[in-house]
């Protein structure tokens, strides 16, 4: 992909999770603060089924999961936990639909990506799905179909929206490096081959249909090159975790047309600097890489560093509004 074929995105958005348990209040905050690029809010404070793993497990097709003391485990049939996940997702979608009447523009939905899900979901024997290549393939196929149906539902509810699919992959680097612990805690699962990881991501990203895609990770050492090969249009990350070792990968991503969702605004309550100060590091990176300043607004979307579930409601509103102002600062003063 060249600069000329870069997928365009609005300048600011959120990552996904929000504080509290009120779906209407969360939808109102997100759509009011992010008028050009709202997202479907996630409210993990409601408990199992609203957490990132349970919510995505509820989207699976012909695979089901239930809560065990150790976490989410695959089961033979849908039970109370699956029904709860479905009910909360429906509530969130209803609220989003209410506050996006007549909306036209980008609208982001989030789900856990296949490799973080495989690392978190347990087989019936208590080991991670990651330990069984056949189970991983089944999970990838189920997730792909579930997300295809989910994206189609959002398109029906908000017909003027271009639906953007975000896959959350905070465990991806640990999967690639063999750092996911076994059930006993004494060993780690074998690293998954990079080509298999790439192939699985590509398949699930395809669930977006014609819509754009983002892969998000708030962990260190995001594998930018692998994500680009898998076909994502954008990579979302915690900007504070970048090191100069990432420079080449970032530069190649930008020049190759990949959008950067730069997490620069703290995800939990903090004193916020002026908007220009929040994106000073992005400008510094640009100069270090020798990239054209005018490309900043075309290549960067400003976000919080991660989800806002741990923030206060007042700070969450402030953080999203701050992302919008910081993005405007980048566009107005790219130098």
C-alpha atoms as a PDB file:
ATOM      1  CA  UNK A   1       0.000   0.000   0.000  1.00  0.00           C
ATOM      2  CA  UNK A   2       1.377   3.414  -0.863  1.00  0.00           C
ATOM      3  CA  UNK A   3       0.652   6.811   0.658  1.00  0.00           C
ATOM      4  CA  UNK A   4      -1.775   7.414  -2.195  1.00  0.00           C
ATOM      5  CA  UNK A   5      -3.886   4.429  -1.170  1.00  0.00           C
ATOM      6  CA  UNK A   6      -3.832   5.158   2.558  1.00  0.00           C
ATOM      7  CA  UNK A   7      -7.191   4.457   4.211  1.00  0.00           C
ATOM      8  CA  UNK A   8      -8.467   7.684   5.717  1.00  0.00           C
ATOM      9  CA  UNK A   9      -9.691   7.883   9.310  1.00  0.00           C
ATOM     10  CA  UNK A  10     -10.929  10.798  11.427  1.00  0.00           C
ATOM     11  CA  UNK A  11      -8.331  12.456  13.674  1.00  0.00           C
ATOM     12  CA  UNK A  12      -9.413  11.168  17.114  1.00  0.00           C
ATOM     13  CA  UNK A  13     -11.281   8.298  18.739  1.00  0.00           C
ATOM     14  CA  UNK A  14     -11.414   6.155  21.887  1.00  0.00           C
ATOM     15  CA  UNK A  15     -10.026   2.682  22.442  1.00  0.00           C
ATOM     16  CA  UNK A  16     -13.149   0.895  23.681  1.00  0.00           C
ATOM     17  CA  UNK A  17     -13.888   0.483  27.368  1.00  0.00           C
ATOM     18  CA  UNK A  18     -15.591   3.127  29.478  1.00  0.00           C
ATOM     19  CA  UNK A  19     -16.249   3.471  33.224  1.00  0.00           C
ATOM     20  CA  UNK A  20     -19.545   2.704  34.919  1.00  0.00           C
ATOM     21  CA  UNK A  21     -22.459   0.382  34.194  1.00  0.00           C
ATOM     22  CA  UNK A  22     -24.936   2.646  32.349  1.00  0.00           C
ATOM     23  CA  UNK A  23     -24.976   1.853  28.615  1.00  0.00           C
ATOM     24  CA  UNK A  24     -26.969   4.968  27.667  1.00  0.00           C
ATOM     25  CA  UNK A  25     -24.678   7.276  29.604  1.00  0.00           C
ATOM     26  CA  UNK A  26     -21.598   5.687  27.995  1.00  0.00           C
ATOM     27  CA  UNK A  27     -23.072   5.951  24.491  1.00  0.00           C
ATOM     28  CA  UNK A  28     -24.038   9.562  25.137  1.00  0.00           C
ATOM     29  CA  UNK A  29     -20.510  10.394  26.304  1.00  0.00           C
ATOM     30  CA  UNK A  30     -18.789   8.668  23.384  1.00  0.00           C
ATOM     31  CA  UNK A  31     -21.028  10.081  20.651  1.00  0.00           C
ATOM     32  CA  UNK A  32     -21.003  13.540  22.219  1.00  0.00           C
ATOM     33  CA  UNK A  33     -17.242  13.718  22.703  1.00  0.00           C
ATOM     34  CA  UNK A  34     -16.205  11.959  19.474  1.00  0.00           C
ATOM     35  CA  UNK A  35     -18.641  13.388  16.950  1.00  0.00           C
ATOM     36  CA  UNK A  36     -16.534  12.320  13.941  1.00  0.00           C
ATOM     37  CA  UNK A  37     -15.411   8.871  15.121  1.00  0.00           C
ATOM     38  CA  UNK A  38     -17.505   7.342  17.936  1.00  0.00           C
ATOM     39  CA  UNK A  39     -17.157   3.736  19.037  1.00  0.00           C
ATOM     40  CA  UNK A  40     -19.285   1.076  20.669  1.00  0.00           C
ATOM     41  CA  UNK A  41     -18.607   1.457  24.393  1.00  0.00           C
ATOM     42  CA  UNK A  42     -17.656  -1.538  26.533  1.00  0.00           C
ATOM     43  CA  UNK A  43     -18.515  -1.501  30.256  1.00  0.00           C
ATOM     44  CA  UNK A  44     -16.497  -4.225  32.034  1.00  0.00           C
ATOM     45  CA  UNK A  45     -17.534  -2.931  35.491  1.00  0.00           C
ATOM     46  CA  UNK A  46     -20.814  -4.806  35.005  1.00  0.00           C
ATOM     47  CA  UNK A  47     -18.955  -8.073  35.576  1.00  0.00           C
ATOM     48  CA  UNK A  48     -18.429 -11.371  33.725  1.00  0.00           C
ATOM     49  CA  UNK A  49     -19.819 -11.200  30.213  1.00  0.00           C
ATOM     50  CA  UNK A  50     -19.088  -7.490  29.957  1.00  0.00           C
ATOM     51  CA  UNK A  51     -15.322  -8.031  30.343  1.00  0.00           C
ATOM     52  CA  UNK A  52     -13.317  -8.131  27.117  1.00  0.00           C
ATOM     53  CA  UNK A  53     -12.900 -11.924  27.034  1.00  0.00           C
ATOM     54  CA  UNK A  54     -16.481 -12.741  28.020  1.00  0.00           C
ATOM     55  CA  UNK A  55     -17.946 -10.203  25.626  1.00  0.00           C
ATOM     56  CA  UNK A  56     -16.049 -11.633  22.670  1.00  0.00           C
ATOM     57  CA  UNK A  57     -16.689 -15.229  23.762  1.00  0.00           C
ATOM     58  CA  UNK A  58     -20.369 -14.363  23.554  1.00  0.00           C
ATOM     59  CA  UNK A  59     -19.920 -13.447  19.883  1.00  0.00           C
ATOM     60  CA  UNK A  60     -18.522 -16.865  18.924  1.00  0.00           C
ATOM     61  CA  UNK A  61     -20.575 -19.066  16.594  1.00  0.00           C
ATOM     62  CA  UNK A  62     -21.149 -22.693  17.680  1.00  0.00           C
ATOM     63  CA  UNK A  63     -18.600 -22.294  20.476  1.00  0.00           C
ATOM     64  CA  UNK A  64     -19.640 -21.387  24.008  1.00  0.00           C
ATOM     65  CA  UNK A  65     -17.887 -20.445  27.214  1.00  0.00           C
ATOM     66  CA  UNK A  66     -18.685 -20.224  30.899  1.00  0.00           C
ATOM     67  CA  UNK A  67     -16.977 -18.631  33.872  1.00  0.00           C
ATOM     68  CA  UNK A  68     -14.831 -20.862  36.083  1.00  0.00           C
ATOM     69  CA  UNK A  69     -12.730 -19.756  39.095  1.00  0.00           C
ATOM     70  CA  UNK A  70      -9.697 -19.742  36.773  1.00  0.00           C
ATOM     71  CA  UNK A  71     -11.386 -17.728  34.025  1.00  0.00           C
ATOM     72  CA  UNK A  72     -13.447 -18.350  30.885  1.00  0.00           C
ATOM     73  CA  UNK A  73     -13.634 -21.986  29.746  1.00  0.00           C
ATOM     74  CA  UNK A  74     -15.194 -23.526  26.644  1.00  0.00           C
ATOM     75  CA  UNK A  75     -18.382 -25.492  27.303  1.00  0.00           C
ATOM     76  CA  UNK A  76     -20.756 -27.751  25.368  1.00  0.00           C
ATOM     77  CA  UNK A  77     -23.765 -25.448  25.294  1.00  0.00           C
ATOM     78  CA  UNK A  78     -24.726 -21.829  25.941  1.00  0.00           C
ATOM     79  CA  UNK A  79     -25.467 -21.136  29.592  1.00  0.00           C
ATOM     80  CA  UNK A  80     -26.176 -18.236  31.910  1.00  0.00           C
ATOM     81  CA  UNK A  81     -22.831 -16.530  31.210  1.00  0.00           C
ATOM     82  CA  UNK A  82     -23.380 -16.604  27.442  1.00  0.00           C
ATOM     83  CA  UNK A  83     -26.911 -15.234  27.832  1.00  0.00           C
ATOM     84  CA  UNK A  84     -25.611 -12.450  30.056  1.00  0.00           C
ATOM     85  CA  UNK A  85     -22.921 -11.503  27.501  1.00  0.00           C
ATOM     86  CA  UNK A  86     -25.551 -11.434  24.731  1.00  0.00           C
ATOM     87  CA  UNK A  87     -27.900  -9.286  26.826  1.00  0.00           C
ATOM     88  CA  UNK A  88     -25.243  -6.695  27.660  1.00  0.00           C
ATOM     89  CA  UNK A  89     -24.025  -6.467  24.082  1.00  0.00           C
ATOM     90  CA  UNK A  90     -27.619  -5.978  22.922  1.00  0.00           C
ATOM     91  CA  UNK A  91     -28.084  -3.249  25.546  1.00  0.00           C
ATOM     92  CA  UNK A  92     -24.924  -1.482  24.363  1.00  0.00           C
ATOM     93  CA  UNK A  93     -25.990  -1.707  20.722  1.00  0.00           C
ATOM     94  CA  UNK A  94     -29.449  -0.377  21.514  1.00  0.00           C
ATOM     95  CA  UNK A  95     -27.897   2.604  23.309  1.00  0.00           C
ATOM     96  CA  UNK A  96     -25.458   3.252  20.467  1.00  0.00           C
ATOM     97  CA  UNK A  97     -28.290   3.080  17.924  1.00  0.00           C
ATOM     98  CA  UNK A  98     -30.309   5.591  19.950  1.00  0.00           C
ATOM     99  CA  UNK A  99     -27.495   8.153  19.968  1.00  0.00           C
ATOM    100  CA  UNK A 100     -26.428   7.684  16.327  1.00  0.00           C
ATOM    101  CA  UNK A 101     -29.757   8.391  14.619  1.00  0.00           C
ATOM    102  CA  UNK A 102     -28.919   9.930  11.241  1.00  0.00           C
ATOM    103  CA  UNK A 103     -25.175   9.564  11.818  1.00  0.00           C
ATOM    104  CA  UNK A 104     -22.953   9.284   8.759  1.00  0.00           C
ATOM    105  CA  UNK A 105     -19.271   8.572   9.171  1.00  0.00           C
ATOM    106  CA  UNK A 106     -16.845   6.161  10.787  1.00  0.00           C
ATOM    107  CA  UNK A 107     -18.048   4.050  13.699  1.00  0.00           C
ATOM    108  CA  UNK A 108     -15.680   1.660  15.505  1.00  0.00           C
ATOM    109  CA  UNK A 109     -16.511  -1.660  17.140  1.00  0.00           C
ATOM    110  CA  UNK A 110     -14.027  -3.713  19.177  1.00  0.00           C
ATOM    111  CA  UNK A 111     -13.490  -7.398  19.904  1.00  0.00           C
ATOM    112  CA  UNK A 112     -10.642  -9.459  21.298  1.00  0.00           C
ATOM    113  CA  UNK A 113      -8.383 -10.766  18.539  1.00  0.00           C
ATOM    114  CA  UNK A 114      -7.859 -14.486  17.938  1.00  0.00           C
ATOM    115  CA  UNK A 115      -4.486 -14.876  19.681  1.00  0.00           C
ATOM    116  CA  UNK A 116      -5.290 -12.995  22.862  1.00  0.00           C
ATOM    117  CA  UNK A 117      -8.566 -14.931  22.967  1.00  0.00           C
ATOM    118  CA  UNK A 118      -6.741 -18.251  22.448  1.00  0.00           C
ATOM    119  CA  UNK A 119      -4.360 -17.344  25.275  1.00  0.00           C
ATOM    120  CA  UNK A 120      -7.208 -16.454  27.666  1.00  0.00           C
ATOM    121  CA  UNK A 121      -9.911 -19.039  26.894  1.00  0.00           C
ATOM    122  CA  UNK A 122      -9.476 -22.461  28.468  1.00  0.00           C
ATOM    123  CA  UNK A 123     -10.163 -25.859  26.982  1.00  0.00           C
ATOM    124  CA  UNK A 124     -12.192 -28.304  29.055  1.00  0.00           C
ATOM    125  CA  UNK A 125      -8.950 -29.669  30.569  1.00  0.00           C
ATOM    126  CA  UNK A 126      -8.065 -26.231  31.896  1.00  0.00           C
ATOM    127  CA  UNK A 127      -5.232 -25.488  29.482  1.00  0.00           C
ATOM    128  CA  UNK A 128      -5.402 -22.517  27.133  1.00  0.00           C
ATOM    129  CA  UNK A 129      -6.894 -22.979  23.672  1.00  0.00           C
ATOM    130  CA  UNK A 130      -3.439 -21.807  22.542  1.00  0.00           C
ATOM    131  CA  UNK A 131      -2.049 -25.235  23.494  1.00  0.00           C
ATOM    132  CA  UNK A 132      -4.064 -27.020  20.777  1.00  0.00           C
ATOM    133  CA  UNK A 133      -3.516 -26.019  17.109  1.00  0.00           C
ATOM    134  CA  UNK A 134      -6.795 -27.644  16.051  1.00  0.00           C
ATOM    135  CA  UNK A 135      -8.719 -25.765  18.746  1.00  0.00           C
ATOM    136  CA  UNK A 136      -7.039 -22.536  17.602  1.00  0.00           C
ATOM    137  CA  UNK A 137      -8.250 -23.111  14.049  1.00  0.00           C
ATOM    138  CA  UNK A 138     -11.782 -23.774  15.274  1.00  0.00           C
ATOM    139  CA  UNK A 139     -11.684 -20.636  17.421  1.00  0.00           C
ATOM    140  CA  UNK A 140     -10.462 -18.498  14.518  1.00  0.00           C
ATOM    141  CA  UNK A 141     -13.250 -19.770  12.244  1.00  0.00           C
ATOM    142  CA  UNK A 142     -15.897 -19.234  14.943  1.00  0.00           C
ATOM    143  CA  UNK A 143     -14.654 -15.741  15.783  1.00  0.00           C
ATOM    144  CA  UNK A 144     -14.514 -14.734  12.117  1.00  0.00           C
ATOM    145  CA  UNK A 145     -18.129 -15.747  11.555  1.00  0.00           C
ATOM    146  CA  UNK A 146     -19.274 -14.165  14.810  1.00  0.00           C
ATOM    147  CA  UNK A 147     -17.633 -10.852  13.978  1.00  0.00           C
ATOM    148  CA  UNK A 148     -19.034 -10.917  10.449  1.00  0.00           C
ATOM    149  CA  UNK A 149     -22.529 -11.173  11.940  1.00  0.00           C
ATOM    150  CA  UNK A 150     -21.756  -8.493  14.540  1.00  0.00           C
ATOM    151  CA  UNK A 151     -20.482  -6.012  11.936  1.00  0.00           C
ATOM    152  CA  UNK A 152     -23.526  -6.702   9.742  1.00  0.00           C
ATOM    153  CA  UNK A 153     -25.816  -6.015  12.730  1.00  0.00           C
ATOM    154  CA  UNK A 154     -24.126  -2.685  13.416  1.00  0.00           C
ATOM    155  CA  UNK A 155     -24.447  -1.727   9.748  1.00  0.00           C
ATOM    156  CA  UNK A 156     -28.188  -2.448   9.886  1.00  0.00           C
ATOM    157  CA  UNK A 157     -28.597  -0.410  13.061  1.00  0.00           C
ATOM    158  CA  UNK A 158     -26.542   2.572  11.836  1.00  0.00           C
ATOM    159  CA  UNK A 159     -26.942   2.478   8.053  1.00  0.00           C
ATOM    160  CA  UNK A 160     -24.981   5.675   7.459  1.00  0.00           C
ATOM    161  CA  UNK A 161     -21.877   4.364   9.218  1.00  0.00           C
ATOM    162  CA  UNK A 162     -18.664   2.995   7.778  1.00  0.00           C
ATOM    163  CA  UNK A 163     -18.023   0.303  10.385  1.00  0.00           C
ATOM    164  CA  UNK A 164     -14.397   0.005  11.493  1.00  0.00           C
ATOM    165  CA  UNK A 165     -13.445  -3.313  13.134  1.00  0.00           C
ATOM    166  CA  UNK A 166     -10.807  -3.176  15.882  1.00  0.00           C
ATOM    167  CA  UNK A 167      -9.168  -6.348  17.196  1.00  0.00           C
ATOM    168  CA  UNK A 168      -7.678  -6.048  20.685  1.00  0.00           C
ATOM    169  CA  UNK A 169      -4.462  -8.083  20.887  1.00  0.00           C
ATOM    170  CA  UNK A 170      -2.620  -7.196  24.116  1.00  0.00           C
ATOM    171  CA  UNK A 171      -1.230 -10.744  24.436  1.00  0.00           C
ATOM    172  CA  UNK A 172       0.005 -10.994  20.851  1.00  0.00           C
ATOM    173  CA  UNK A 173       3.686 -10.342  21.570  1.00  0.00           C
ATOM    174  CA  UNK A 174       3.623 -12.848  24.461  1.00  0.00           C
ATOM    175  CA  UNK A 175       2.091 -15.458  22.124  1.00  0.00           C
ATOM    176  CA  UNK A 176       4.819 -14.848  19.539  1.00  0.00           C
ATOM    177  CA  UNK A 177       7.576 -15.119  22.159  1.00  0.00           C
ATOM    178  CA  UNK A 178       6.266 -18.143  24.045  1.00  0.00           C
ATOM    179  CA  UNK A 179       5.486 -16.259  27.246  1.00  0.00           C
ATOM    180  CA  UNK A 180       1.917 -17.444  27.910  1.00  0.00           C
ATOM    181  CA  UNK A 181       1.950 -19.562  31.078  1.00  0.00           C
ATOM    182  CA  UNK A 182       0.414 -23.026  31.285  1.00  0.00           C
ATOM    183  CA  UNK A 183      -2.359 -23.810  33.772  1.00  0.00           C
ATOM    184  CA  UNK A 184       0.200 -24.986  36.336  1.00  0.00           C
ATOM    185  CA  UNK A 185       2.117 -21.737  36.061  1.00  0.00           C
ATOM    186  CA  UNK A 186       5.425 -23.589  35.961  1.00  0.00           C
ATOM    187  CA  UNK A 187       5.897 -23.632  32.193  1.00  0.00           C
ATOM    188  CA  UNK A 188       4.974 -21.545  29.195  1.00  0.00           C
ATOM    189  CA  UNK A 189       3.234 -22.535  25.992  1.00  0.00           C
ATOM    190  CA  UNK A 190       5.406 -22.897  22.928  1.00  0.00           C
ATOM    191  CA  UNK A 191       5.679 -19.786  20.749  1.00  0.00           C
ATOM    192  CA  UNK A 192       3.264 -19.855  17.819  1.00  0.00           C
ATOM    193  CA  UNK A 193       4.847 -19.650  14.373  1.00  0.00           C
ATOM    194  CA  UNK A 194       4.665 -16.094  13.005  1.00  0.00           C
ATOM    195  CA  UNK A 195       3.131 -17.219   9.721  1.00  0.00           C
ATOM    196  CA  UNK A 196       0.337 -19.017  11.578  1.00  0.00           C
ATOM    197  CA  UNK A 197      -0.273 -15.945  13.723  1.00  0.00           C
ATOM    198  CA  UNK A 198      -0.332 -13.732  10.646  1.00  0.00           C
ATOM    199  CA  UNK A 199      -2.699 -16.061   8.804  1.00  0.00           C
ATOM    200  CA  UNK A 200      -5.109 -16.221  11.750  1.00  0.00           C
ATOM    201  CA  UNK A 201      -5.194 -12.453  12.079  1.00  0.00           C
ATOM    202  CA  UNK A 202      -5.764 -12.030   8.348  1.00  0.00           C
ATOM    203  CA  UNK A 203      -8.728 -14.409   8.460  1.00  0.00           C
ATOM    204  CA  UNK A 204     -10.406 -12.620  11.375  1.00  0.00           C
ATOM    205  CA  UNK A 205      -9.711  -9.159   9.953  1.00  0.00           C
ATOM    206  CA  UNK A 206     -11.615 -10.325   6.877  1.00  0.00           C
ATOM    207  CA  UNK A 207     -14.802 -10.316   8.973  1.00  0.00           C
ATOM    208  CA  UNK A 208     -14.972  -6.557   8.436  1.00  0.00           C
ATOM    209  CA  UNK A 209     -15.992  -7.108   4.808  1.00  0.00           C
ATOM    210  CA  UNK A 210     -15.414  -3.850   2.943  1.00  0.00           C
ATOM    211  CA  UNK A 211     -14.813  -1.890   6.160  1.00  0.00           C
ATOM    212  CA  UNK A 212     -11.433  -0.753   7.479  1.00  0.00           C
ATOM    213  CA  UNK A 213      -9.627  -2.538  10.302  1.00  0.00           C
ATOM    214  CA  UNK A 214      -7.457  -1.678  13.300  1.00  0.00           C
ATOM    215  CA  UNK A 215      -5.390  -3.899  15.578  1.00  0.00           C
ATOM    216  CA  UNK A 216      -4.865  -2.533  19.090  1.00  0.00           C
ATOM    217  CA  UNK A 217      -2.241  -3.496  21.653  1.00  0.00           C
ATOM    218  CA  UNK A 218      -1.329  -1.515  24.751  1.00  0.00           C
ATOM    219  CA  UNK A 219       1.609  -3.871  25.463  1.00  0.00           C
ATOM    220  CA  UNK A 220       5.279  -3.145  24.659  1.00  0.00           C
ATOM    221  CA  UNK A 221       6.945  -4.322  21.431  1.00  0.00           C
ATOM    222  CA  UNK A 222       3.946  -4.222  19.114  1.00  0.00           C
ATOM    223  CA  UNK A 223       4.814  -6.306  16.007  1.00  0.00           C
ATOM    224  CA  UNK A 224       4.042  -3.573  13.474  1.00  0.00           C
ATOM    225  CA  UNK A 225       5.449  -5.389  10.441  1.00  0.00           C
ATOM    226  CA  UNK A 226       3.501  -8.596  11.131  1.00  0.00           C
ATOM    227  CA  UNK A 227       0.265  -6.652  11.622  1.00  0.00           C
ATOM    228  CA  UNK A 228       0.786  -4.817   8.350  1.00  0.00           C
ATOM    229  CA  UNK A 229       1.373  -8.094   6.506  1.00  0.00           C
ATOM    230  CA  UNK A 230      -1.815  -9.472   8.060  1.00  0.00           C
ATOM    231  CA  UNK A 231      -3.682  -6.684   6.298  1.00  0.00           C
ATOM    232  CA  UNK A 232      -4.736  -4.230   8.995  1.00  0.00           C
ATOM    233  CA  UNK A 233      -5.298  -0.653   7.878  1.00  0.00           C
ATOM    234  CA  UNK A 234      -4.206   0.818  11.208  1.00  0.00           C
ATOM    235  CA  UNK A 235      -2.260  -0.103  14.338  1.00  0.00           C
ATOM    236  CA  UNK A 236      -3.366   1.258  17.729  1.00  0.00           C
ATOM    237  CA  UNK A 237      -0.789   1.401  20.544  1.00  0.00           C
ATOM    238  CA  UNK A 238       0.358   3.115  23.725  1.00  0.00           C
ATOM    239  CA  UNK A 239       2.709   5.777  22.399  1.00  0.00           C
ATOM    240  CA  UNK A 240       4.544   5.960  25.751  1.00  0.00           C
ATOM    241  CA  UNK A 241       5.791   2.378  25.313  1.00  0.00           C
ATOM    242  CA  UNK A 242       7.615   3.063  22.035  1.00  0.00           C
ATOM    243  CA  UNK A 243      11.384   2.986  22.036  1.00  0.00           C
ATOM    244  CA  UNK A 244      13.867   3.943  19.350  1.00  0.00           C
ATOM    245  CA  UNK A 245      13.992   0.238  18.447  1.00  0.00           C
ATOM    246  CA  UNK A 246      10.518   0.770  16.965  1.00  0.00           C
ATOM    247  CA  UNK A 247      11.603   3.648  14.713  1.00  0.00           C
ATOM    248  CA  UNK A 248      12.229   1.629  11.552  1.00  0.00           C
ATOM    249  CA  UNK A 249       8.955  -0.287  11.879  1.00  0.00           C
ATOM    250  CA  UNK A 250       7.013   2.930  12.507  1.00  0.00           C
ATOM    251  CA  UNK A 251       8.624   4.685   9.552  1.00  0.00           C
ATOM    252  CA  UNK A 252       7.929   1.752   7.230  1.00  0.00           C
ATOM    253  CA  UNK A 253       4.332   1.587   8.450  1.00  0.00           C
ATOM    254  CA  UNK A 254       3.700   5.263   7.770  1.00  0.00           C
ATOM    255  CA  UNK A 255       5.379   5.200   4.363  1.00  0.00           C
ATOM    256  CA  UNK A 256       3.478   2.016   3.522  1.00  0.00           C
ATOM    257  CA  UNK A 257       0.121   3.663   4.190  1.00  0.00           C
ATOM    258  CA  UNK A 258      -0.690   2.206   7.617  1.00  0.00           C
ATOM    259  CA  UNK A 259      -2.515   4.597   9.946  1.00  0.00           C
ATOM    260  CA  UNK A 260      -1.138   5.049  13.460  1.00  0.00           C
ATOM    261  CA  UNK A 261      -3.648   5.254  16.303  1.00  0.00           C
ATOM    262  CA  UNK A 262      -1.307   6.920  18.787  1.00  0.00           C
ATOM    263  CA  UNK A 263      -2.314   6.514  22.424  1.00  0.00           C
ATOM    264  CA  UNK A 264      -1.037   9.707  24.048  1.00  0.00           C
ATOM    265  CA  UNK A 265      -3.754  10.650  26.586  1.00  0.00           C
ATOM    266  CA  UNK A 266      -3.583   8.777  29.949  1.00  0.00           C
ATOM    267  CA  UNK A 267      -6.254   6.107  30.369  1.00  0.00           C
ATOM    268  CA  UNK A 268      -6.768   6.737  34.089  1.00  0.00           C
ATOM    269  CA  UNK A 269      -7.327   9.991  35.972  1.00  0.00           C
ATOM    270  CA  UNK A 270      -4.376  12.306  35.522  1.00  0.00           C
ATOM    271  CA  UNK A 271      -3.616  15.985  35.108  1.00  0.00           C
ATOM    272  CA  UNK A 272      -3.724  16.670  31.383  1.00  0.00           C
ATOM    273  CA  UNK A 273      -1.225  18.972  29.731  1.00  0.00           C
ATOM    274  CA  UNK A 274      -2.278  21.409  27.061  1.00  0.00           C
ATOM    275  CA  UNK A 275      -3.370  19.615  23.836  1.00  0.00           C
ATOM    276  CA  UNK A 276      -0.184  20.585  21.984  1.00  0.00           C
ATOM    277  CA  UNK A 277       1.909  19.148  24.810  1.00  0.00           C
ATOM    278  CA  UNK A 278       0.079  15.819  24.605  1.00  0.00           C
ATOM    279  CA  UNK A 279       1.236  15.293  21.015  1.00  0.00           C
ATOM    280  CA  UNK A 280       4.712  16.773  21.376  1.00  0.00           C
ATOM    281  CA  UNK A 281       6.198  13.265  21.377  1.00  0.00           C
ATOM    282  CA  UNK A 282       4.487  12.477  18.076  1.00  0.00           C
ATOM    283  CA  UNK A 283       6.018  15.584  16.479  1.00  0.00           C
ATOM    284  CA  UNK A 284       9.432  14.635  17.914  1.00  0.00           C
ATOM    285  CA  UNK A 285       9.128  11.124  16.454  1.00  0.00           C
ATOM    286  CA  UNK A 286       8.202  12.585  13.074  1.00  0.00           C
ATOM    287  CA  UNK A 287      11.290  14.784  13.030  1.00  0.00           C
ATOM    288  CA  UNK A 288      13.499  11.894  14.132  1.00  0.00           C
ATOM    289  CA  UNK A 289      12.176   9.729  11.291  1.00  0.00           C
ATOM    290  CA  UNK A 290      12.509  12.540   8.751  1.00  0.00           C
ATOM    291  CA  UNK A 291       8.863  12.231   7.755  1.00  0.00           C
ATOM    292  CA  UNK A 292       7.018  15.055   6.029  1.00  0.00           C
ATOM    293  CA  UNK A 293       5.216  17.202   8.665  1.00  0.00           C
ATOM    294  CA  UNK A 294       2.171  17.566   6.438  1.00  0.00           C
ATOM    295  CA  UNK A 295       1.707  13.807   6.631  1.00  0.00           C
ATOM    296  CA  UNK A 296       0.968  13.920  10.356  1.00  0.00           C
ATOM    297  CA  UNK A 297      -2.747  14.620  10.081  1.00  0.00           C
ATOM    298  CA  UNK A 298      -3.079  12.044   7.296  1.00  0.00           C
ATOM    299  CA  UNK A 299      -1.248   9.315   9.206  1.00  0.00           C
ATOM    300  CA  UNK A 300      -2.133   9.755  12.901  1.00  0.00           C
ATOM    301  CA  UNK A 301      -5.351   9.337  14.888  1.00  0.00           C
ATOM    302  CA  UNK A 302      -5.088  10.443  18.528  1.00  0.00           C
ATOM    303  CA  UNK A 303      -6.485   8.136  21.245  1.00  0.00           C
ATOM    304  CA  UNK A 304      -6.132   7.428  24.953  1.00  0.00           C
ATOM    305  CA  UNK A 305      -3.262   5.069  25.809  1.00  0.00           C
ATOM    306  CA  UNK A 306      -5.730   2.238  26.455  1.00  0.00           C
ATOM    307  CA  UNK A 307      -9.352   1.752  27.496  1.00  0.00           C
ATOM    308  CA  UNK A 308     -10.937   4.125  30.018  1.00  0.00           C
ATOM    309  CA  UNK A 309     -12.627   1.527  32.247  1.00  0.00           C
ATOM    310  CA  UNK A 310     -10.388   2.446  35.187  1.00  0.00           C
ATOM    311  CA  UNK A 311     -11.083   6.171  34.919  1.00  0.00           C
ATOM    312  CA  UNK A 312     -13.760   8.243  36.615  1.00  0.00           C
ATOM    313  CA  UNK A 313     -16.729   9.176  34.375  1.00  0.00           C
ATOM    314  CA  UNK A 314     -15.761  12.851  34.519  1.00  0.00           C
ATOM    315  CA  UNK A 315     -12.166  12.106  33.515  1.00  0.00           C
ATOM    316  CA  UNK A 316     -13.301   9.781  30.700  1.00  0.00           C
ATOM    317  CA  UNK A 317     -15.304  12.633  29.153  1.00  0.00           C
ATOM    318  CA  UNK A 318     -12.368  14.989  29.619  1.00  0.00           C
ATOM    319  CA  UNK A 319      -9.890  12.512  28.081  1.00  0.00           C
ATOM    320  CA  UNK A 320     -11.965  11.937  24.936  1.00  0.00           C
ATOM    321  CA  UNK A 321     -12.465  15.687  24.433  1.00  0.00           C
ATOM    322  CA  UNK A 322      -8.729  16.174  24.988  1.00  0.00           C
ATOM    323  CA  UNK A 323      -7.960  13.634  22.213  1.00  0.00           C
ATOM    324  CA  UNK A 324     -10.046  15.707  19.813  1.00  0.00           C
ATOM    325  CA  UNK A 325      -8.262  18.946  20.771  1.00  0.00           C
ATOM    326  CA  UNK A 326      -4.820  17.302  20.602  1.00  0.00           C
ATOM    327  CA  UNK A 327      -5.565  15.960  17.125  1.00  0.00           C
ATOM    328  CA  UNK A 328      -6.634  19.441  16.039  1.00  0.00           C
ATOM    329  CA  UNK A 329      -3.314  20.782  17.350  1.00  0.00           C
ATOM    330  CA  UNK A 330      -1.423  18.231  15.221  1.00  0.00           C
ATOM    331  CA  UNK A 331      -3.353  19.241  12.117  1.00  0.00           C
ATOM    332  CA  UNK A 332      -3.028  22.988  12.714  1.00  0.00           C
ATOM    333  CA  UNK A 333       0.648  22.959  13.724  1.00  0.00           C
ATOM    334  CA  UNK A 334       2.359  19.897  12.230  1.00  0.00           C
ATOM    335  CA  UNK A 335       5.798  21.426  12.721  1.00  0.00           C
END
